[in-house]
């Protein structure tokens, strides 16, 4: 489903930020670009 695909994108981004070697980690510009691609409306927030 779309929701599962988005969760995978979020998890992959998080894992790429937490690699052991700093040179293997993704730059924050790339992280922001990836997060902006996620259609957040599929994650309704309950207050």
Protein backbone atom coordinates (compact mmCIF):
# COMPACT_ATOMS: atom_id res chain seq x y z
CA UNK A 1 0.00 0.00 0.00
CA UNK A 2 0.97 3.65 -0.30
CA UNK A 3 1.25 3.98 3.45
CA UNK A 4 3.69 1.05 3.64
CA UNK A 5 5.80 2.52 0.83
CA UNK A 6 6.00 5.83 2.67
CA UNK A 7 7.02 4.11 5.89
CA UNK A 8 9.78 2.32 3.99
CA UNK A 9 10.98 5.66 2.58
CA UNK A 10 11.09 7.16 6.07
CA UNK A 11 12.94 4.18 7.54
CA UNK A 12 15.45 4.05 4.67
CA UNK A 13 16.16 7.75 5.13
CA UNK A 14 16.65 7.29 8.86
CA UNK A 15 18.98 4.35 8.36
CA UNK A 16 21.03 6.24 5.78
CA UNK A 17 21.50 9.01 8.37
CA UNK A 18 22.75 6.60 11.01
CA UNK A 19 25.47 4.73 9.15
CA UNK A 20 28.56 4.04 11.20
CA UNK A 21 30.98 5.99 9.02
CA UNK A 22 30.27 9.73 8.71
CA UNK A 23 31.43 9.65 5.09
CA UNK A 24 28.71 7.10 4.26
CA UNK A 25 25.91 9.19 5.79
CA UNK A 26 23.52 11.16 3.63
CA UNK A 27 23.83 14.95 3.69
CA UNK A 28 20.99 16.87 5.32
CA UNK A 29 20.10 18.52 2.00
CA UNK A 30 19.37 15.06 0.62
CA UNK A 31 17.39 14.10 3.73
CA UNK A 32 15.19 17.17 3.37
CA UNK A 33 14.65 16.45 -0.32
CA UNK A 34 13.64 12.86 0.44
CA UNK A 35 11.27 13.87 3.23
CA UNK A 36 9.62 16.48 1.02
CA UNK A 37 8.79 13.75 -1.52
CA UNK A 38 6.63 11.90 1.02
CA UNK A 39 2.91 12.66 0.69
CA UNK A 40 2.33 13.41 4.39
CA UNK A 41 -1.44 13.73 3.95
CA UNK A 42 -1.59 9.94 4.06
CA UNK A 43 -0.57 10.15 7.73
CA UNK A 44 -3.48 11.91 9.42
CA UNK A 45 -2.57 13.38 12.79
CA UNK A 46 -5.07 12.94 15.59
CA UNK A 47 -5.17 15.63 18.24
